[in-house]
């Protein structure tokens, strides 16, 4: 079942933007359906849609985790994974 994932990256917009294209290139083959990020107090709020919670967790445990660590971004402590009825690309 598809899931919506929300989390906050504790970083600034410039760091997020530098990392964004690299992580999107890695996320799409892992199954990412949709990604958005916006500035909020204290970081960047992210909303993603993934085909499964396991696909998201695999990405966070692999490419995303490594990229975030290299950029000095701590693992988010507010991850919420919510099952959705639909998640479509178009």
PDB file of N, CA and C in Angstrom:
ATOM      1  N   UNK A   1       0.837  -1.178   0.000  1.00  0.00           N
ATOM      2  CA  UNK A   1       0.000   0.000   0.000  1.00  0.00           C
ATOM      3  C   UNK A   1       0.883   1.242   0.000  1.00  0.00           C
ATOM      4  N   UNK A   2       0.521   2.237  -0.808  1.00  0.00           N
ATOM      5  CA  UNK A   2       1.277   3.485  -0.877  1.00  0.00           C
ATOM      6  C   UNK A   2       1.211   4.217   0.453  1.00  0.00           C
ATOM      7  N   UNK A   3       2.252   5.012   0.700  1.00  0.00           N
ATOM      8  CA  UNK A   3       2.322   5.778   1.940  1.00  0.00           C
ATOM      9  C   UNK A   3       2.736   7.216   1.665  1.00  0.00           C
ATOM     10  N   UNK A   4       2.261   8.109   2.537  1.00  0.00           N
ATOM     11  CA  UNK A   4       2.726   9.484   2.578  1.00  0.00           C
ATOM     12  C   UNK A   4       3.711   9.563   3.735  1.00  0.00           C
ATOM     13  N   UNK A   5       4.858  10.163   3.491  1.00  0.00           N
ATOM     14  CA  UNK A   5       5.878  10.314   4.526  1.00  0.00           C
ATOM     15  C   UNK A   5       6.099  11.801   4.753  1.00  0.00           C
ATOM     16  N   UNK A   6       6.046  12.219   6.015  1.00  0.00           N
ATOM     17  CA  UNK A   6       6.374  13.597   6.362  1.00  0.00           C
ATOM     18  C   UNK A   6       7.507  13.582   7.376  1.00  0.00           C
ATOM     19  N   UNK A   7       8.383  14.560   7.243  1.00  0.00           N
ATOM     20  CA  UNK A   7       9.518  14.687   8.158  1.00  0.00           C
ATOM     21  C   UNK A   7      10.098  16.082   8.031  1.00  0.00           C
ATOM     22  N   UNK A   8      10.950  16.436   8.989  1.00  0.00           N
ATOM     23  CA  UNK A   8      11.635  17.718   8.946  1.00  0.00           C
ATOM     24  C   UNK A   8      13.136  17.492   8.961  1.00  0.00           C
ATOM     25  N   UNK A   9      13.804  18.059   7.961  1.00  0.00           N
ATOM     26  CA  UNK A   9      15.268  18.019   7.919  1.00  0.00           C
ATOM     27  C   UNK A   9      15.790  19.247   8.645  1.00  0.00           C
ATOM     28  N   UNK A  10      16.647  19.043   9.609  1.00  0.00           N
ATOM     29  CA  UNK A  10      17.200  20.147  10.388  1.00  0.00           C
ATOM     30  C   UNK A  10      18.430  20.683   9.649  1.00  0.00           C
ATOM     31  N   UNK A  11      18.122  21.496   8.638  1.00  0.00           N
ATOM     32  CA  UNK A  11      19.170  22.098   7.819  1.00  0.00           C
ATOM     33  C   UNK A  11      18.637  23.379   7.209  1.00  0.00           C
ATOM     34  N   UNK A  12      19.495  24.099   6.531  1.00  0.00           N
ATOM     35  CA  UNK A  12      19.087  25.337   5.867  1.00  0.00           C
ATOM     36  C   UNK A  12      18.737  25.058   4.406  1.00  0.00           C
ATOM     37  N   UNK A  13      18.092  26.028   3.773  1.00  0.00           N
ATOM     38  CA  UNK A  13      17.630  25.864   2.395  1.00  0.00           C
ATOM     39  C   UNK A  13      18.788  25.628   1.430  1.00  0.00           C
ATOM     40  N   UNK A  14      19.904  26.297   1.611  1.00  0.00           N
ATOM     41  CA  UNK A  14      21.034  26.137   0.691  1.00  0.00           C
ATOM     42  C   UNK A  14      21.580  24.707   0.728  1.00  0.00           C
ATOM     43  N   UNK A  15      21.717  24.145   1.922  1.00  0.00           N
ATOM     44  CA  UNK A  15      22.211  22.765   2.045  1.00  0.00           C
ATOM     45  C   UNK A  15      21.210  21.795   1.435  1.00  0.00           C
ATOM     46  N   UNK A  16      19.927  21.999   1.715  1.00  0.00           N
ATOM     47  CA  UNK A  16      18.883  21.150   1.146  1.00  0.00           C
ATOM     48  C   UNK A  16      18.936  21.197  -0.383  1.00  0.00           C
ATOM     49  N   UNK A  17      19.021  22.379  -0.947  1.00  0.00           N
ATOM     50  CA  UNK A  17      19.037  22.519  -2.403  1.00  0.00           C
ATOM     51  C   UNK A  17      20.269  21.862  -3.018  1.00  0.00           C
ATOM     52  N   UNK A  18      21.418  21.928  -2.351  1.00  0.00           N
ATOM     53  CA  UNK A  18      22.626  21.259  -2.871  1.00  0.00           C
ATOM     54  C   UNK A  18      22.442  19.749  -2.900  1.00  0.00           C
ATOM     55  N   UNK A  19      21.790  19.205  -1.899  1.00  0.00           N
ATOM     56  CA  UNK A  19      21.618  17.757  -1.773  1.00  0.00           C
ATOM     57  C   UNK A  19      20.438  17.225  -2.580  1.00  0.00           C
ATOM     58  N   UNK A  20      19.468  18.081  -2.853  1.00  0.00           N
ATOM     59  CA  UNK A  20      18.203  17.673  -3.458  1.00  0.00           C
ATOM     60  C   UNK A  20      18.358  16.882  -4.759  1.00  0.00           C
ATOM     61  N   UNK A  21      19.042  17.422  -5.745  1.00  0.00           N
ATOM     62  CA  UNK A  21      19.108  16.742  -7.051  1.00  0.00           C
ATOM     63  C   UNK A  21      19.810  15.394  -6.947  1.00  0.00           C
ATOM     64  N   UNK A  22      20.823  15.312  -6.114  1.00  0.00           N
ATOM     65  CA  UNK A  22      21.541  14.045  -5.918  1.00  0.00           C
ATOM     66  C   UNK A  22      20.620  12.981  -5.315  1.00  0.00           C
ATOM     67  N   UNK A  23      19.858  13.373  -4.306  1.00  0.00           N
ATOM     68  CA  UNK A  23      18.980  12.403  -3.651  1.00  0.00           C
ATOM     69  C   UNK A  23      17.779  12.030  -4.513  1.00  0.00           C
ATOM     70  N   UNK A  24      17.260  12.971  -5.291  1.00  0.00           N
ATOM     71  CA  UNK A  24      16.136  12.639  -6.180  1.00  0.00           C
ATOM     72  C   UNK A  24      16.588  11.611  -7.211  1.00  0.00           C
ATOM     73  N   UNK A  25      17.786  11.776  -7.752  1.00  0.00           N
ATOM     74  CA  UNK A  25      18.304  10.792  -8.717  1.00  0.00           C
ATOM     75  C   UNK A  25      18.387   9.397  -8.106  1.00  0.00           C
ATOM     76  N   UNK A  26      18.686   9.319  -6.829  1.00  0.00           N
ATOM     77  CA  UNK A  26      18.755   8.022  -6.146  1.00  0.00           C
ATOM     78  C   UNK A  26      17.377   7.531  -5.720  1.00  0.00           C
ATOM     79  N   UNK A  27      16.461   8.441  -5.414  1.00  0.00           N
ATOM     80  CA  UNK A  27      15.147   8.057  -4.892  1.00  0.00           C
ATOM     81  C   UNK A  27      14.214   7.499  -5.956  1.00  0.00           C
ATOM     82  N   UNK A  28      14.258   8.047  -7.154  1.00  0.00           N
ATOM     83  CA  UNK A  28      13.325   7.606  -8.203  1.00  0.00           C
ATOM     84  C   UNK A  28      13.481   6.114  -8.497  1.00  0.00           C
ATOM     85  N   UNK A  29      14.699   5.596  -8.687  1.00  0.00           N
ATOM     86  CA  UNK A  29      14.822   4.155  -8.915  1.00  0.00           C
ATOM     87  C   UNK A  29      14.388   3.311  -7.711  1.00  0.00           C
ATOM     88  N   UNK A  30      14.407   3.905  -6.511  1.00  0.00           N
ATOM     89  CA  UNK A  30      13.980   3.204  -5.298  1.00  0.00           C
ATOM     90  C   UNK A  30      12.464   3.173  -5.166  1.00  0.00           C
ATOM     91  N   UNK A  31      11.750   3.965  -6.019  1.00  0.00           N
ATOM     92  CA  UNK A  31      10.295   3.938  -6.010  1.00  0.00           C
ATOM     93  C   UNK A  31       9.602   5.241  -5.669  1.00  0.00           C
ATOM     94  N   UNK A  32      10.344   6.304  -5.395  1.00  0.00           N
ATOM     95  CA  UNK A  32       9.718   7.576  -5.033  1.00  0.00           C
ATOM     96  C   UNK A  32       8.653   7.962  -6.051  1.00  0.00           C
ATOM     97  N   UNK A  33       7.467   8.310  -5.574  1.00  0.00           N
ATOM     98  CA  UNK A  33       6.370   8.731  -6.432  1.00  0.00           C
ATOM     99  C   UNK A  33       6.315  10.252  -6.533  1.00  0.00           C
ATOM    100  N   UNK A  34       6.489  10.937  -5.395  1.00  0.00           N
ATOM    101  CA  UNK A  34       6.379  12.396  -5.342  1.00  0.00           C
ATOM    102  C   UNK A  34       7.201  12.915  -4.177  1.00  0.00           C
ATOM    103  N   UNK A  35       7.804  14.089  -4.376  1.00  0.00           N
ATOM    104  CA  UNK A  35       8.597  14.716  -3.307  1.00  0.00           C
ATOM    105  C   UNK A  35       8.341  16.214  -3.313  1.00  0.00           C
ATOM    106  N   UNK A  36       8.218  16.793  -2.127  1.00  0.00           N
ATOM    107  CA  UNK A  36       8.195  18.250  -2.003  1.00  0.00           C
ATOM    108  C   UNK A  36       8.925  18.645  -0.724  1.00  0.00           C
ATOM    109  N   UNK A  37       9.488  19.831  -0.751  1.00  0.00           N
ATOM    110  CA  UNK A  37      10.158  20.378   0.423  1.00  0.00           C
ATOM    111  C   UNK A  37       9.836  21.856   0.536  1.00  0.00           C
ATOM    112  N   UNK A  38       9.684  22.323   1.758  1.00  0.00           N
ATOM    113  CA  UNK A  38       9.413  23.741   1.985  1.00  0.00           C
ATOM    114  C   UNK A  38      10.097  24.185   3.266  1.00  0.00           C
ATOM    115  N   UNK A  39      10.469  25.467   3.290  1.00  0.00           N
ATOM    116  CA  UNK A  39      11.109  26.012   4.485  1.00  0.00           C
ATOM    117  C   UNK A  39      10.096  26.173   5.608  1.00  0.00           C
ATOM    118  N   UNK A  40      10.512  25.780   6.798  1.00  0.00           N
ATOM    119  CA  UNK A  40       9.745  25.973   8.020  1.00  0.00           C
ATOM    120  C   UNK A  40      10.734  26.420   9.097  1.00  0.00           C
ATOM    121  N   UNK A  41      10.249  26.979  10.195  1.00  0.00           N
ATOM    122  CA  UNK A  41      11.184  27.331  11.265  1.00  0.00           C
ATOM    123  C   UNK A  41      11.988  26.097  11.708  1.00  0.00           C
ATOM    124  N   UNK A  42      13.294  26.212  11.662  1.00  0.00           N
ATOM    125  CA  UNK A  42      14.170  25.133  12.109  1.00  0.00           C
ATOM    126  C   UNK A  42      14.552  24.120  11.043  1.00  0.00           C
ATOM    127  N   UNK A  43      14.115  24.331   9.790  1.00  0.00           N
ATOM    128  CA  UNK A  43      14.534  23.372   8.775  1.00  0.00           C
ATOM    129  C   UNK A  43      13.690  23.353   7.523  1.00  0.00           C
ATOM    130  N   UNK A  44      13.635  22.167   6.926  1.00  0.00           N
ATOM    131  CA  UNK A  44      12.904  21.923   5.689  1.00  0.00           C
ATOM    132  C   UNK A  44      11.893  20.817   5.944  1.00  0.00           C
ATOM    133  N   UNK A  45      10.610  21.131   5.757  1.00  0.00           N
ATOM    134  CA  UNK A  45       9.555  20.127   5.890  1.00  0.00           C
ATOM    135  C   UNK A  45       9.441  19.385   4.563  1.00  0.00           C
ATOM    136  N   UNK A  46       9.468  18.063   4.642  1.00  0.00           N
ATOM    137  CA  UNK A  46       9.410  17.217   3.458  1.00  0.00           C
ATOM    138  C   UNK A  46       8.122  16.406   3.489  1.00  0.00           C
ATOM    139  N   UNK A  47       7.478  16.307   2.321  1.00  0.00           N
ATOM    140  CA  UNK A  47       6.356  15.399   2.124  1.00  0.00           C
ATOM    141  C   UNK A  47       6.669  14.552   0.908  1.00  0.00           C
ATOM    142  N   UNK A  48       6.713  13.254   1.099  1.00  0.00           N
ATOM    143  CA  UNK A  48       6.983  12.296   0.024  1.00  0.00           C
ATOM    144  C   UNK A  48       5.833  11.310  -0.077  1.00  0.00           C
ATOM    145  N   UNK A  49       5.700  10.724  -1.239  1.00  0.00           N
ATOM    146  CA  UNK A  49       4.824   9.567  -1.424  1.00  0.00           C
ATOM    147  C   UNK A  49       5.681   8.444  -1.967  1.00  0.00           C
ATOM    148  N   UNK A  50       5.554   7.266  -1.352  1.00  0.00           N
ATOM    149  CA  UNK A  50       6.325   6.075  -1.704  1.00  0.00           C
ATOM    150  C   UNK A  50       5.361   4.913  -1.924  1.00  0.00           C
ATOM    151  N   UNK A  51       5.763   3.890  -2.702  1.00  0.00           N
ATOM    152  CA  UNK A  51       4.869   2.750  -2.923  1.00  0.00           C
ATOM    153  C   UNK A  51       4.628   1.930  -1.661  1.00  0.00           C
ATOM    154  N   UNK A  52       5.628   1.893  -0.768  1.00  0.00           N
ATOM    155  CA  UNK A  52       5.510   1.157   0.489  1.00  0.00           C
ATOM    156  C   UNK A  52       6.376   1.832   1.547  1.00  0.00           C
ATOM    157  N   UNK A  53       6.062   1.568   2.809  1.00  0.00           N
ATOM    158  CA  UNK A  53       6.901   2.060   3.898  1.00  0.00           C
ATOM    159  C   UNK A  53       8.295   1.457   3.814  1.00  0.00           C
ATOM    160  N   UNK A  54       8.368   0.199   3.389  1.00  0.00           N
ATOM    161  CA  UNK A  54       9.668  -0.483   3.288  1.00  0.00           C
ATOM    162  C   UNK A  54      10.560   0.178   2.249  1.00  0.00           C
ATOM    163  N   UNK A  55       9.976   0.633   1.127  1.00  0.00           N
ATOM    164  CA  UNK A  55      10.773   1.314   0.099  1.00  0.00           C
ATOM    165  C   UNK A  55      11.369   2.599   0.665  1.00  0.00           C
ATOM    166  N   UNK A  56      10.566   3.361   1.405  1.00  0.00           N
ATOM    167  CA  UNK A  56      11.072   4.580   2.035  1.00  0.00           C
ATOM    168  C   UNK A  56      12.168   4.255   3.039  1.00  0.00           C
ATOM    169  N   UNK A  57      11.931   3.284   3.901  1.00  0.00           N
ATOM    170  CA  UNK A  57      12.906   2.935   4.933  1.00  0.00           C
ATOM    171  C   UNK A  57      14.217   2.435   4.328  1.00  0.00           C
ATOM    172  N   UNK A  58      14.132   1.711   3.235  1.00  0.00           N
ATOM    173  CA  UNK A  58      15.335   1.254   2.546  1.00  0.00           C
ATOM    174  C   UNK A  58      16.127   2.441   2.005  1.00  0.00           C
ATOM    175  N   UNK A  59      15.428   3.407   1.440  1.00  0.00           N
ATOM    176  CA  UNK A  59      16.076   4.607   0.923  1.00  0.00           C
ATOM    177  C   UNK A  59      16.737   5.396   2.047  1.00  0.00           C
ATOM    178  N   UNK A  60      16.040   5.554   3.164  1.00  0.00           N
ATOM    179  CA  UNK A  60      16.613   6.292   4.292  1.00  0.00           C
ATOM    180  C   UNK A  60      17.803   5.558   4.892  1.00  0.00           C
ATOM    181  N   UNK A  61      17.770   4.243   4.882  1.00  0.00           N
ATOM    182  CA  UNK A  61      18.876   3.464   5.418  1.00  0.00           C
ATOM    183  C   UNK A  61      20.052   3.358   4.468  1.00  0.00           C
ATOM    184  N   UNK A  62      19.854   3.772   3.220  1.00  0.00           N
ATOM    185  CA  UNK A  62      20.903   3.686   2.207  1.00  0.00           C
ATOM    186  C   UNK A  62      21.299   5.065   1.703  1.00  0.00           C
ATOM    187  N   UNK A  63      20.903   5.403   0.456  1.00  0.00           N
ATOM    188  CA  UNK A  63      21.364   6.652  -0.164  1.00  0.00           C
ATOM    189  C   UNK A  63      21.029   7.920   0.612  1.00  0.00           C
ATOM    190  N   UNK A  64      19.812   8.023   1.144  1.00  0.00           N
ATOM    191  CA  UNK A  64      19.439   9.252   1.859  1.00  0.00           C
ATOM    192  C   UNK A  64      20.244   9.396   3.138  1.00  0.00           C
ATOM    193  N   UNK A  65      20.350   8.323   3.889  1.00  0.00           N
ATOM    194  CA  UNK A  65      21.108   8.380   5.131  1.00  0.00           C
ATOM    195  C   UNK A  65      22.556   8.752   4.902  1.00  0.00           C
ATOM    196  N   UNK A  66      23.159   8.161   3.878  1.00  0.00           N
ATOM    197  CA  UNK A  66      24.562   8.463   3.562  1.00  0.00           C
ATOM    198  C   UNK A  66      24.719   9.907   3.100  1.00  0.00           C
ATOM    199  N   UNK A  67      23.815  10.366   2.236  1.00  0.00           N
ATOM    200  CA  UNK A  67      23.897  11.741   1.743  1.00  0.00           C
ATOM    201  C   UNK A  67      23.689  12.759   2.840  1.00  0.00           C
ATOM    202  N   UNK A  68      22.736  12.497   3.709  1.00  0.00           N
ATOM    203  CA  UNK A  68      22.478  13.404   4.820  1.00  0.00           C
ATOM    204  C   UNK A  68      23.662  13.439   5.774  1.00  0.00           C
ATOM    205  N   UNK A  69      24.235  12.279   6.073  1.00  0.00           N
ATOM    206  CA  UNK A  69      25.390  12.236   6.975  1.00  0.00           C
ATOM    207  C   UNK A  69      26.559  13.021   6.387  1.00  0.00           C
ATOM    208  N   UNK A  70      26.797  12.856   5.091  1.00  0.00           N
ATOM    209  CA  UNK A  70      27.902  13.563   4.440  1.00  0.00           C
ATOM    210  C   UNK A  70      27.689  15.080   4.467  1.00  0.00           C
ATOM    211  N   UNK A  71      26.419  15.514   4.438  1.00  0.00           N
ATOM    212  CA  UNK A  71      26.106  16.944   4.462  1.00  0.00           C
ATOM    213  C   UNK A  71      25.962  17.489   5.881  1.00  0.00           C
ATOM    214  N   UNK A  72      26.092  16.615   6.888  1.00  0.00           N
ATOM    215  CA  UNK A  72      25.976  17.054   8.275  1.00  0.00           C
ATOM    216  C   UNK A  72      24.542  17.238   8.744  1.00  0.00           C
ATOM    217  N   UNK A  73      23.596  16.599   8.069  1.00  0.00           N
ATOM    218  CA  UNK A  73      22.188  16.706   8.446  1.00  0.00           C
ATOM    219  C   UNK A  73      21.839  15.515   9.337  1.00  0.00           C
ATOM    220  N   UNK A  74      21.348  15.768  10.537  1.00  0.00           N
ATOM    221  CA  UNK A  74      20.983  14.643  11.411  1.00  0.00           C
ATOM    222  C   UNK A  74      19.757  13.905  10.886  1.00  0.00           C
ATOM    223  N   UNK A  75      19.624  12.650  11.271  1.00  0.00           N
ATOM    224  CA  UNK A  75      18.433  11.883  10.927  1.00  0.00           C
ATOM    225  C   UNK A  75      17.211  12.587  11.514  1.00  0.00           C
ATOM    226  N   UNK A  76      16.132  12.708  10.737  1.00  0.00           N
ATOM    227  CA  UNK A  76      14.934  13.365  11.274  1.00  0.00           C
ATOM    228  C   UNK A  76      14.335  12.572  12.427  1.00  0.00           C
ATOM    229  N   UNK A  77      13.812  13.308  13.401  1.00  0.00           N
ATOM    230  CA  UNK A  77      13.232  12.643  14.571  1.00  0.00           C
ATOM    231  C   UNK A  77      11.703  12.728  14.599  1.00  0.00           C
ATOM    232  N   UNK A  78      11.128  13.167  13.480  1.00  0.00           N
ATOM    233  CA  UNK A  78       9.676  13.343  13.439  1.00  0.00           C
ATOM    234  C   UNK A  78       9.024  12.638  12.245  1.00  0.00           C
ATOM    235  N   UNK A  79       9.617  11.557  11.773  1.00  0.00           N
ATOM    236  CA  UNK A  79       9.097  10.841  10.603  1.00  0.00           C
ATOM    237  C   UNK A  79       7.716  10.271  10.910  1.00  0.00           C
ATOM    238  N   UNK A  80       6.786  10.563  10.016  1.00  0.00           N
ATOM    239  CA  UNK A  80       5.445   9.987  10.102  1.00  0.00           C
ATOM    240  C   UNK A  80       5.151   9.299   8.777  1.00  0.00           C
ATOM    241  N   UNK A  81       4.709   8.053   8.847  1.00  0.00           N
ATOM    242  CA  UNK A  81       4.366   7.267   7.664  1.00  0.00           C
ATOM    243  C   UNK A  81       2.875   6.949   7.755  1.00  0.00           C
ATOM    244  N   UNK A  82       2.129   7.413   6.754  1.00  0.00           N
ATOM    245  CA  UNK A  82       0.678   7.279   6.759  1.00  0.00           C
ATOM    246  C   UNK A  82       0.223   6.538   5.502  1.00  0.00           C
ATOM    247  N   UNK A  83      -0.465   5.415   5.633  1.00  0.00           N
ATOM    248  CA  UNK A  83      -1.008   4.737   4.456  1.00  0.00           C
ATOM    249  C   UNK A  83      -2.022   5.635   3.745  1.00  0.00           C
ATOM    250  N   UNK A  84      -2.001   5.614   2.419  1.00  0.00           N
ATOM    251  CA  UNK A  84      -2.949   6.388   1.617  1.00  0.00           C
ATOM    252  C   UNK A  84      -3.687   5.458   0.660  1.00  0.00           C
ATOM    253  N   UNK A  85      -4.838   5.886   0.222  1.00  0.00           N
ATOM    254  CA  UNK A  85      -5.601   5.071  -0.721  1.00  0.00           C
ATOM    255  C   UNK A  85      -5.015   5.116  -2.118  1.00  0.00           C
ATOM    256  N   UNK A  86      -4.512   6.298  -2.517  1.00  0.00           N
ATOM    257  CA  UNK A  86      -3.923   6.453  -3.844  1.00  0.00           C
ATOM    258  C   UNK A  86      -2.712   7.362  -3.793  1.00  0.00           C
ATOM    259  N   UNK A  87      -1.794   7.139  -4.693  1.00  0.00           N
ATOM    260  CA  UNK A  87      -0.631   8.013  -4.918  1.00  0.00           C
ATOM    261  C   UNK A  87      -0.264   7.843  -6.378  1.00  0.00           C
ATOM    262  N   UNK A  88      -0.604   8.844  -7.179  1.00  0.00           N
ATOM    263  CA  UNK A  88      -0.432   8.745  -8.627  1.00  0.00           C
ATOM    264  C   UNK A  88       0.514   9.824  -9.124  1.00  0.00           C
ATOM    265  N   UNK A  89       1.189   9.532 -10.232  1.00  0.00           N
ATOM    266  CA  UNK A  89       2.101  10.502 -10.829  1.00  0.00           C
ATOM    267  C   UNK A  89       1.386  11.468 -11.774  1.00  0.00           C
ATOM    268  N   UNK A  90       0.186  11.217 -12.123  1.00  0.00           N
ATOM    269  CA  UNK A  90      -0.413  12.149 -13.057  1.00  0.00           C
ATOM    270  C   UNK A  90      -1.860  12.057 -13.244  1.00  0.00           C
TER     271      UNK A  90
END
